[in-house]
Amino acid sequence: MTGDFMPLKHPKIMMPPPALFLGGLLMGYGLDRALNLPAVHFLGQQWVILVLALIGISLVLAAVIQLRHAHTTLMPHRAAKTLLTQGVFALSRNPIYLGFACLHLAMALAQHSTGMLIMWAPVIWVIQQHVIAAEEAFHAQQFGEQWQAYRHKVRRWL
């Protein structure tokens, strides 16, 4: 190795993010069963579930529509053609992952699952440290100054 910079052709994503969230929900279910964890119940829980689900669905749908309209990829392991900075992407650099995070919490609460709530944190950590880190490294290379300006203007999550 000469230490020369090898440009990335696409983000190095090893596991599809939806699979990570689904895996977290399934592991949480397993924790509930294996450890006989207490069910989660609180006053107004149905409203919290509804709000989280609506926010999650809205974020994901809005981001997907914007990505499709811009003719760029929805798949995180493929090279983006365009850096989206408007619409839902002006609120969060990762509106789809934010939407999935809300949907994970909504599902955990709908299932009254302590295990699923516990598993939310490690899933978010993996998304942050592996998926988002890989995407951001690629975007920094692919979009340069435009990415840096966007990164300084818009937060990673909210």
Protein backbone atom coordinates (compact mmCIF):
# COMPACT_ATOMS: atom_id res chain seq x y z
CA MET A 1 0.00 0.00 0.00
CA THR A 2 1.33 3.40 -0.90
CA GLY A 3 -1.19 5.28 1.25
CA ASP A 4 -2.88 6.70 -1.87
CA PHE A 5 -6.50 7.70 -1.48
CA MET A 6 -8.92 5.22 -3.04
CA PRO A 7 -12.19 6.99 -3.85
CA LEU A 8 -15.35 5.21 -2.77
CA LYS A 9 -17.68 4.08 -5.55
CA HIS A 10 -20.61 3.83 -3.14
CA PRO A 11 -21.24 3.84 0.64
CA LYS A 12 -19.96 0.70 2.35
CA ILE A 13 -23.23 -0.44 3.94
CA MET A 14 -23.12 -4.06 5.12
CA MET A 15 -26.74 -4.53 6.25
CA PRO A 16 -29.90 -2.86 4.92
CA PRO A 17 -31.20 -0.41 7.56
CA PRO A 18 -34.77 -1.79 7.49
CA ALA A 19 -33.31 -5.21 8.36
CA LEU A 20 -31.47 -3.66 11.32
CA PHE A 21 -34.69 -2.17 12.69
CA LEU A 22 -36.62 -5.40 12.08
CA GLY A 23 -33.82 -7.37 13.73
CA GLY A 24 -33.99 -5.08 16.76
CA LEU A 25 -37.74 -5.62 17.05
CA LEU A 26 -37.32 -9.38 16.78
CA MET A 27 -34.50 -9.45 19.34
CA GLY A 28 -36.62 -7.31 21.64
CA TYR A 29 -39.46 -9.81 21.31
CA GLY A 30 -36.97 -12.54 22.19
CA LEU A 31 -35.81 -10.59 25.25
CA ASP A 32 -39.42 -10.23 26.41
CA ARG A 33 -39.95 -13.97 26.14
CA ALA A 34 -36.58 -15.09 27.52
CA LEU A 35 -36.52 -12.71 30.49
CA ASN A 36 -40.28 -12.41 31.07
CA LEU A 37 -39.97 -8.61 30.98
CA PRO A 38 -42.92 -6.56 32.24
CA ALA A 39 -45.29 -5.09 29.68
CA VAL A 40 -45.21 -1.35 28.99
CA HIS A 41 -48.47 0.45 29.77
CA PHE A 42 -49.17 4.12 30.42
CA LEU A 43 -52.03 6.58 30.17
CA GLY A 44 -52.43 7.96 26.66
CA GLN A 45 -50.25 5.26 25.14
CA GLN A 46 -52.53 4.91 22.10
CA TRP A 47 -52.05 8.59 21.23
CA VAL A 48 -48.27 8.36 21.55
CA ILE A 49 -48.30 5.29 19.29
CA LEU A 50 -50.48 7.08 16.74
CA VAL A 51 -48.31 10.21 16.71
CA LEU A 52 -45.06 8.22 16.42
CA ALA A 53 -46.49 6.07 13.62
CA LEU A 54 -47.81 9.07 11.69
CA ILE A 55 -44.51 10.94 12.05
CA GLY A 56 -42.56 7.85 11.01
CA ILE A 57 -44.72 7.09 7.98
CA SER A 58 -44.76 10.77 6.93
CA LEU A 59 -40.99 11.11 7.13
CA VAL A 60 -40.33 7.93 5.18
CA LEU A 61 -42.92 8.66 2.48
CA ALA A 62 -41.83 12.29 2.05
CA ALA A 63 -38.18 11.26 1.74
CA VAL A 64 -38.96 8.46 -0.72
CA ILE A 65 -41.04 10.81 -2.87
CA GLN A 66 -38.25 13.40 -2.88
CA LEU A 67 -35.61 10.81 -3.75
CA ARG A 68 -37.72 9.44 -6.61
CA HIS A 69 -38.51 12.93 -7.90
CA ALA A 70 -34.77 13.76 -7.90
CA HIS A 71 -34.03 10.50 -9.78
CA THR A 72 -31.52 9.40 -7.17
CA THR A 73 -31.26 6.14 -5.29
CA LEU A 74 -33.24 5.09 -2.28
CA MET A 75 -30.79 2.28 -1.60
CA PRO A 76 -28.10 3.33 0.92
CA HIS A 77 -25.47 1.01 -0.57
CA ARG A 78 -25.69 2.71 -3.98
CA ALA A 79 -24.12 6.00 -5.04
CA ALA A 80 -26.42 9.00 -4.75
CA LYS A 81 -26.53 11.17 -7.87
CA THR A 82 -27.91 14.23 -6.12
CA LEU A 83 -27.54 15.70 -2.65
CA LEU A 84 -31.02 16.59 -1.44
CA THR A 85 -31.07 19.56 0.94
CA GLN A 86 -34.68 20.79 0.70
CA GLY A 87 -38.03 19.51 1.91
CA VAL A 88 -37.80 16.83 4.57
CA PHE A 89 -34.02 16.76 4.05
CA ALA A 90 -33.87 20.33 5.39
CA LEU A 91 -35.19 18.99 8.72
CA SER A 92 -32.89 16.00 9.05
CA ARG A 93 -29.96 14.59 7.07
CA ASN A 94 -31.50 11.15 7.69
CA PRO A 95 -35.29 11.48 7.55
CA ILE A 96 -35.81 7.83 6.57
CA TYR A 97 -33.80 6.53 9.54
CA LEU A 98 -35.59 9.01 11.79
CA GLY A 99 -38.89 7.71 10.42
CA PHE A 100 -37.83 4.10 11.00
CA ALA A 101 -36.78 5.02 14.56
CA CYS A 102 -40.24 6.47 15.22
CA LEU A 103 -41.90 3.40 13.72
CA HIS A 104 -39.72 1.12 15.87
CA LEU A 105 -40.87 2.97 19.00
CA ALA A 106 -44.50 2.90 17.84
CA MET A 107 -44.31 -0.86 17.26
CA ALA A 108 -42.64 -1.46 20.63
CA LEU A 109 -45.35 0.51 22.42
CA ALA A 110 -48.14 -1.10 20.40
CA GLN A 111 -46.79 -4.50 21.46
CA HIS A 112 -46.27 -3.29 25.06
CA SER A 113 -42.73 -4.60 24.64
CA THR A 114 -39.99 -3.62 27.08
CA GLY A 115 -37.51 -5.71 25.09
CA MET A 116 -38.26 -3.85 21.86
CA LEU A 117 -37.83 -0.54 23.67
CA ILE A 118 -34.49 -1.72 25.08
CA MET A 119 -33.29 -2.83 21.63
CA TRP A 120 -34.09 0.58 20.11
CA ALA A 121 -30.89 2.06 21.58
CA PRO A 122 -28.46 -0.51 20.12
CA VAL A 123 -30.20 -0.33 16.74
CA ILE A 124 -29.84 3.47 16.70
CA TRP A 125 -26.17 3.09 17.71
CA VAL A 126 -25.49 0.67 14.83
CA ILE A 127 -27.33 2.93 12.36
CA GLN A 128 -25.34 5.94 13.61
CA GLN A 129 -21.90 4.32 13.80
CA HIS A 130 -22.01 2.13 10.73
CA VAL A 131 -24.70 3.08 8.25
CA ILE A 132 -24.73 6.87 8.65
CA ALA A 133 -20.94 7.02 9.08
CA ALA A 134 -20.47 5.16 5.78
CA GLU A 135 -23.01 7.32 3.98
CA GLU A 136 -21.47 10.53 5.31
CA ALA A 137 -17.96 9.48 4.29
CA PHE A 138 -19.22 8.82 0.79
CA HIS A 139 -21.21 12.06 0.62
CA ALA A 140 -18.19 14.07 1.77
CA GLN A 141 -16.20 12.58 -1.09
CA GLN A 142 -19.01 12.73 -3.67
CA PHE A 143 -20.38 16.22 -2.95
CA GLY A 144 -17.43 18.02 -1.32
CA GLU A 145 -18.17 21.61 -0.31
CA GLN A 146 -21.89 21.22 -0.96
CA TRP A 147 -21.96 18.34 1.55
CA GLN A 148 -19.92 20.28 4.12
CA ALA A 149 -22.28 23.27 3.92
CA TYR A 150 -25.30 20.99 4.26
CA ARG A 151 -23.72 19.06 7.15
CA HIS A 152 -23.12 22.28 9.06
CA LYS A 153 -26.64 23.55 8.39
CA VAL A 154 -28.79 20.45 9.03
CA ARG A 155 -28.51 18.06 11.97
CA ARG A 156 -27.97 14.36 11.52
CA TRP A 157 -31.24 13.37 13.24
CA LEU A 158 -33.22 16.47 14.26
